[in-house]
N, C-alpha and C. Protein backbone atom coordinates (compact mmCIF):
# COMPACT_ATOMS: atom_id res chain seq x y z
N MET A 1 46.88 35.57 34.90
CA MET A 1 46.90 34.41 34.12
C MET A 1 46.60 34.44 32.79
N ARG A 2 47.47 33.19 32.18
CA ARG A 2 47.46 33.60 30.78
C ARG A 2 45.86 32.32 29.98
N ILE A 3 45.49 33.08 29.10
CA ILE A 3 44.35 32.41 28.47
C ILE A 3 44.77 31.86 26.85
N ILE A 4 44.53 30.64 26.35
CA ILE A 4 44.99 30.18 25.20
C ILE A 4 44.02 29.58 24.35
N LEU A 5 43.57 30.17 23.35
CA LEU A 5 42.38 29.77 22.81
C LEU A 5 42.60 28.78 21.34
N VAL A 6 42.21 27.97 21.64
CA VAL A 6 42.81 27.01 20.42
C VAL A 6 41.24 26.35 19.63
N LEU A 7 41.42 26.77 18.36
CA LEU A 7 39.97 26.38 18.00
C LEU A 7 38.83 26.73 18.34
N GLY A 8 38.63 27.57 19.40
CA GLY A 8 37.07 28.34 19.26
C GLY A 8 37.33 27.69 20.99
N VAL A 9 37.99 27.19 21.65
CA VAL A 9 37.99 26.53 23.02
C VAL A 9 38.67 27.52 23.69
N VAL A 10 38.08 27.99 24.80
CA VAL A 10 39.12 28.59 25.63
C VAL A 10 39.59 28.15 26.86
N LEU A 11 40.94 28.01 27.04
CA LEU A 11 41.51 27.53 27.96
C LEU A 11 42.25 28.53 29.08
N ALA A 12 41.83 28.43 30.30
CA ALA A 12 42.36 29.49 31.05
C ALA A 12 42.91 28.73 32.12
N GLY A 13 44.49 29.28 32.44
CA GLY A 13 45.49 28.37 33.17
C GLY A 13 46.25 27.82 32.64
N CYS A 14 46.27 27.54 31.31
CA CYS A 14 46.91 26.37 30.61
C CYS A 14 48.48 26.61 30.19
N THR A 15 49.40 26.05 30.84
CA THR A 15 50.74 26.35 30.50
C THR A 15 51.33 25.50 29.64
N SER A 16 50.36 24.55 29.10
CA SER A 16 51.23 23.38 28.14
C SER A 16 51.47 24.07 27.09
N THR A 17 51.90 23.62 25.58
CA THR A 17 52.25 24.14 24.80
C THR A 17 51.22 23.83 23.98
N VAL A 18 51.05 24.86 23.08
CA VAL A 18 49.80 25.03 22.02
C VAL A 18 49.89 23.89 20.56
N ALA A 19 49.10 23.25 20.23
CA ALA A 19 48.81 22.42 19.51
C ALA A 19 49.86 22.74 18.26
N PRO A 20 50.96 21.37 17.40
CA PRO A 20 51.98 22.15 16.54
C PRO A 20 50.76 22.64 15.49
N GLY A 21 51.26 23.34 14.59
CA GLY A 21 50.64 24.27 13.17
C GLY A 21 50.88 22.94 12.05
N LEU A 22 50.23 23.57 11.24
CA LEU A 22 50.31 22.45 9.82
C LEU A 22 51.54 22.26 9.36
N PRO A 23 51.46 21.11 8.72
CA PRO A 23 52.62 20.65 8.20
C PRO A 23 53.47 21.61 7.39
N ASP A 24 52.90 22.65 7.02
CA ASP A 24 53.62 23.65 5.99
C ASP A 24 54.57 24.64 6.65
N GLY A 25 54.78 24.44 7.88
CA GLY A 25 55.75 24.99 8.97
C GLY A 25 55.33 26.38 9.04
N LYS A 26 54.41 27.21 8.84
CA LYS A 26 54.10 28.39 8.89
C LYS A 26 53.15 28.14 10.81
N ASN A 27 53.73 29.17 11.55
CA ASN A 27 52.76 29.33 12.51
C ASN A 27 51.87 30.06 12.59
N ARG A 28 50.65 30.13 13.08
CA ARG A 28 49.50 30.79 13.13
C ARG A 28 49.13 31.08 14.58
N VAL A 29 50.11 31.23 15.59
CA VAL A 29 49.74 31.49 17.00
C VAL A 29 50.14 33.27 16.59
N VAL A 30 48.76 33.72 17.20
CA VAL A 30 48.96 35.18 17.25
C VAL A 30 48.26 35.74 18.69
N ASP A 31 49.13 37.04 19.17
CA ASP A 31 48.57 37.11 20.15
C ASP A 31 47.79 38.32 20.00
N ILE A 32 46.27 38.23 20.55
CA ILE A 32 45.06 39.68 20.50
C ILE A 32 45.59 40.39 21.98
N VAL A 33 45.64 41.45 21.43
CA VAL A 33 46.34 42.55 22.97
C VAL A 33 45.20 43.52 22.87
N ASN A 34 44.58 43.75 24.09
CA ASN A 34 43.97 44.52 24.58
C ASN A 34 44.43 45.73 25.27
N THR A 35 44.76 46.79 24.59
CA THR A 35 45.48 47.88 25.65
C THR A 35 44.38 49.08 25.91
N THR A 36 43.10 48.61 25.89
CA THR A 36 42.39 49.76 26.30
C THR A 36 41.91 49.48 28.20
N ASP A 37 40.82 50.03 28.46
CA ASP A 37 40.52 50.06 29.72
C ASP A 37 39.18 49.58 29.96
N ILE A 38 38.59 48.59 28.61
CA ILE A 38 37.68 48.28 28.40
C ILE A 38 37.64 46.81 27.68
N PRO A 39 37.17 45.84 28.45
CA PRO A 39 36.89 44.47 28.09
C PRO A 39 36.28 44.37 26.63
N LEU A 40 37.22 43.36 25.46
CA LEU A 40 36.34 43.37 24.23
C LEU A 40 35.94 41.89 24.17
N GLN A 41 35.06 41.76 23.30
CA GLN A 41 34.76 40.64 22.63
C GLN A 41 35.35 40.40 21.21
N PHE A 42 36.20 38.90 21.17
CA PHE A 42 37.10 38.95 19.75
C PHE A 42 36.43 37.72 18.78
N SER A 43 36.21 38.24 17.73
CA SER A 43 36.05 37.18 16.76
C SER A 43 36.62 37.24 15.65
N ALA A 44 36.96 35.83 14.81
CA ALA A 44 37.52 35.91 13.67
C ALA A 44 37.36 34.97 12.47
N PHE A 45 36.92 35.62 11.72
CA PHE A 45 36.65 34.53 10.56
C PHE A 45 37.52 34.41 9.16
N ASN A 46 37.65 32.95 8.84
CA ASN A 46 38.61 32.84 7.77
C ASN A 46 38.18 33.50 6.34
N ALA A 47 39.11 34.40 6.05
CA ALA A 47 39.10 35.36 4.99
C ALA A 47 39.03 34.29 3.71
N GLU A 48 39.64 33.50 3.44
CA GLU A 48 39.86 32.75 2.53
C GLU A 48 38.55 31.65 1.85
N ARG A 49 37.75 31.38 3.19
CA ARG A 49 36.48 30.48 2.79
C ARG A 49 35.10 31.48 2.58
N ARG A 50 34.66 30.60 1.18
CA ARG A 50 33.47 31.68 0.86
C ARG A 50 32.25 30.88 1.29
N GLY A 51 31.22 31.92 1.20
CA GLY A 51 29.76 31.36 1.32
C GLY A 51 28.88 31.84 2.06
N LEU A 52 27.54 31.65 2.07
CA LEU A 52 26.61 32.82 3.08
C LEU A 52 26.71 32.54 4.34
N ILE A 53 27.02 31.22 4.66
CA ILE A 53 26.67 30.93 6.18
C ILE A 53 28.43 30.96 6.57
N ARG A 54 28.85 31.46 7.53
CA ARG A 54 30.31 31.51 7.86
C ARG A 54 29.94 31.30 9.39
N GLN A 55 30.57 30.49 9.80
CA GLN A 55 30.99 30.59 11.16
C GLN A 55 32.17 31.08 11.83
N PRO A 56 32.49 31.78 13.02
CA PRO A 56 33.57 32.24 13.17
C PRO A 56 34.87 31.06 13.40
N SER A 57 35.78 31.43 13.18
CA SER A 57 37.09 30.66 13.41
C SER A 57 38.17 30.26 14.69
N ALA A 58 37.46 31.52 15.53
CA ALA A 58 38.18 31.67 16.78
C ALA A 58 36.67 32.67 17.53
N GLU A 59 36.80 32.94 18.70
CA GLU A 59 36.08 34.06 19.30
C GLU A 59 36.58 33.88 20.84
N GLY A 60 36.27 34.53 21.55
CA GLY A 60 36.96 34.71 23.09
C GLY A 60 36.57 36.35 23.69
N THR A 61 36.70 36.05 24.95
CA THR A 61 36.92 37.68 25.25
C THR A 61 38.31 37.66 25.87
N VAL A 62 38.65 39.23 25.75
CA VAL A 62 39.87 39.47 26.27
C VAL A 62 39.51 40.93 27.27
N ALA A 63 40.10 40.90 28.27
CA ALA A 63 40.00 41.64 29.72
C ALA A 63 40.53 42.69 29.19
N ALA A 64 40.52 43.94 30.06
CA ALA A 64 40.95 45.20 29.95
C ALA A 64 42.35 44.66 29.75
N ASN A 65 43.57 45.85 29.39
CA ASN A 65 44.52 45.85 29.49
C ASN A 65 45.48 44.51 29.40
N TYR A 66 44.83 43.43 28.45
CA TYR A 66 45.51 41.84 29.06
C TYR A 66 45.28 41.18 27.55
N TYR A 67 45.90 40.24 27.20
CA TYR A 67 46.15 39.59 25.86
C TYR A 67 45.46 38.26 25.71
N LEU A 68 44.91 37.81 24.65
CA LEU A 68 44.63 36.26 24.30
C LEU A 68 45.47 35.73 23.10
N THR A 69 45.89 34.33 23.50
CA THR A 69 46.73 33.89 22.47
C THR A 69 45.77 33.05 21.87
N VAL A 70 45.62 33.01 20.37
CA VAL A 70 45.05 32.29 19.58
C VAL A 70 46.14 31.65 18.41
N ASP A 71 45.68 30.04 18.33
CA ASP A 71 46.23 29.28 17.15
C ASP A 71 45.02 29.29 16.27
N PHE A 72 45.51 29.71 15.07
CA PHE A 72 44.72 29.74 13.81
C PHE A 72 44.71 28.24 12.97
N ALA A 73 45.70 27.64 13.31
CA ALA A 73 46.05 26.23 12.54
C ALA A 73 44.65 25.04 12.63
N ASP A 74 43.50 25.82 11.87
CA ASP A 74 42.50 25.24 11.94
C ASP A 74 41.95 24.02 10.78
N GLY A 75 42.96 23.37 10.16
CA GLY A 75 43.25 22.53 9.32
C GLY A 75 43.10 23.03 7.58
N SER A 76 42.52 24.34 7.59
CA SER A 76 42.43 24.73 6.24
C SER A 76 43.31 25.15 5.64
N GLY A 77 44.94 25.52 6.12
CA GLY A 77 45.65 25.69 5.39
C GLY A 77 45.69 27.34 5.32
N ALA A 78 44.79 28.03 5.79
CA ALA A 78 44.66 29.58 5.46
C ALA A 78 45.48 30.65 6.23
N CYS A 79 45.82 31.04 5.84
CA CYS A 79 46.79 32.12 6.66
C CYS A 79 45.90 33.68 6.81
N LEU A 80 44.74 34.26 6.01
CA LEU A 80 44.07 35.35 6.20
C LEU A 80 42.81 35.23 6.76
N TYR A 81 42.69 36.05 7.73
CA TYR A 81 41.48 36.16 8.53
C TYR A 81 41.23 37.31 8.67
N ASN A 82 40.04 37.68 9.26
CA ASN A 82 39.29 39.04 9.17
C ASN A 82 38.74 38.96 10.52
N LEU A 83 39.55 39.78 11.28
CA LEU A 83 39.62 39.97 12.75
C LEU A 83 38.78 41.32 13.19
N ARG A 84 38.01 41.01 14.11
CA ARG A 84 36.90 41.88 14.63
C ARG A 84 37.14 41.70 16.37
N ALA A 85 36.93 43.15 16.78
CA ALA A 85 36.78 43.09 18.42
C ALA A 85 35.94 44.30 18.54
N ASP A 86 34.79 43.78 19.16
CA ASP A 86 33.76 44.76 19.93
C ASP A 86 33.90 44.71 21.36
N PHE A 87 33.67 46.36 21.53
CA PHE A 87 34.06 46.74 22.83
C PHE A 87 32.63 46.91 23.89
N GLY A 88 32.43 46.54 25.17
CA GLY A 88 31.23 47.09 25.71
C GLY A 88 30.77 48.42 26.20
N ASP A 89 31.38 49.61 24.91
CA ASP A 89 31.02 50.74 25.03
C ASP A 89 30.34 51.13 23.38
N GLY A 90 30.37 49.83 22.89
CA GLY A 90 29.30 50.41 21.58
C GLY A 90 30.72 50.24 20.32
N GLN A 91 31.79 50.34 20.39
CA GLN A 91 32.90 50.82 19.63
C GLN A 91 33.48 49.51 18.94
N SER A 92 33.96 49.54 17.85
CA SER A 92 34.55 48.14 17.38
C SER A 92 35.88 48.65 16.45
N ALA A 93 36.75 47.34 16.40
CA ALA A 93 38.27 47.72 15.42
C ALA A 93 37.81 46.40 14.54
N GLU A 94 38.40 46.37 13.68
CA GLU A 94 38.48 45.46 12.52
C GLU A 94 39.82 45.49 12.05
N ALA A 95 40.32 44.16 11.83
CA ALA A 95 41.67 44.24 10.85
C ALA A 95 41.42 42.91 9.36
N ALA A 96 40.69 43.68 8.81
CA ALA A 96 40.78 42.40 7.28
C ALA A 96 41.61 42.18 6.55
N GLY A 97 41.68 40.54 6.33
CA GLY A 97 42.97 40.00 5.61
C GLY A 97 43.96 40.25 6.72
N PHE A 98 44.11 39.91 7.85
CA PHE A 98 45.10 40.22 8.52
C PHE A 98 45.78 38.53 8.60
N ASN A 99 47.14 38.52 7.91
CA ASN A 99 47.89 37.14 8.03
C ASN A 99 48.56 36.52 9.04
N THR A 100 47.92 35.34 9.67
CA THR A 100 48.56 34.98 10.72
C THR A 100 49.60 34.01 10.56
N CYS A 101 49.88 33.82 9.13
CA CYS A 101 51.27 33.27 9.14
C CYS A 101 52.50 34.04 9.21
N THR A 102 52.53 35.91 9.28
CA THR A 102 53.46 36.18 9.30
C THR A 102 53.60 37.57 10.36
N GLU A 103 52.32 37.76 10.89
CA GLU A 103 52.24 38.31 12.11
C GLU A 103 52.07 37.85 13.51
N VAL A 104 52.49 38.34 14.54
CA VAL A 104 52.25 37.50 15.69
C VAL A 104 51.58 38.16 16.82
N SER A 105 51.21 39.41 16.70
CA SER A 105 50.21 40.21 17.21
C SER A 105 49.24 41.25 16.55
N TRP A 106 48.06 41.17 17.14
CA TRP A 106 46.88 42.20 16.73
C TRP A 106 46.87 43.12 18.12
N VAL A 107 47.09 44.33 18.03
CA VAL A 107 47.39 45.27 19.48
C VAL A 107 45.94 46.17 19.00
N VAL A 108 44.86 45.76 19.86
CA VAL A 108 43.95 46.81 19.90
C VAL A 108 43.54 47.93 21.18
N GLY A 109 43.58 49.08 20.28
CA GLY A 109 43.70 50.16 21.57
C GLY A 109 44.13 51.75 21.03
N PRO A 110 44.19 52.56 21.71
CA PRO A 110 44.35 53.62 20.89
C PRO A 110 45.64 53.71 20.48
């Protein structure tokens, strides 16, 4: 089963095309790939947005040895996001300033 995350909403079993990106023509669709045997909680924050209170731009769960497709076209025009993966065993991984306009996947694992 493929899971597609669009602006914070998880859609299971969706086969339709993800909503088109912003008019700037940049593709902000990224696969979050979990290559471990442990499920992870994924979250992303717009790195270009400032302020004390920051809501996640995207979040979801990625099963062990699976991936989650995320469309970061949130209307802000931002390309840079801080990504975080929290594993059930207490470990975590981060990618600060991940460029969603030029990268197509973030592989989390050994």
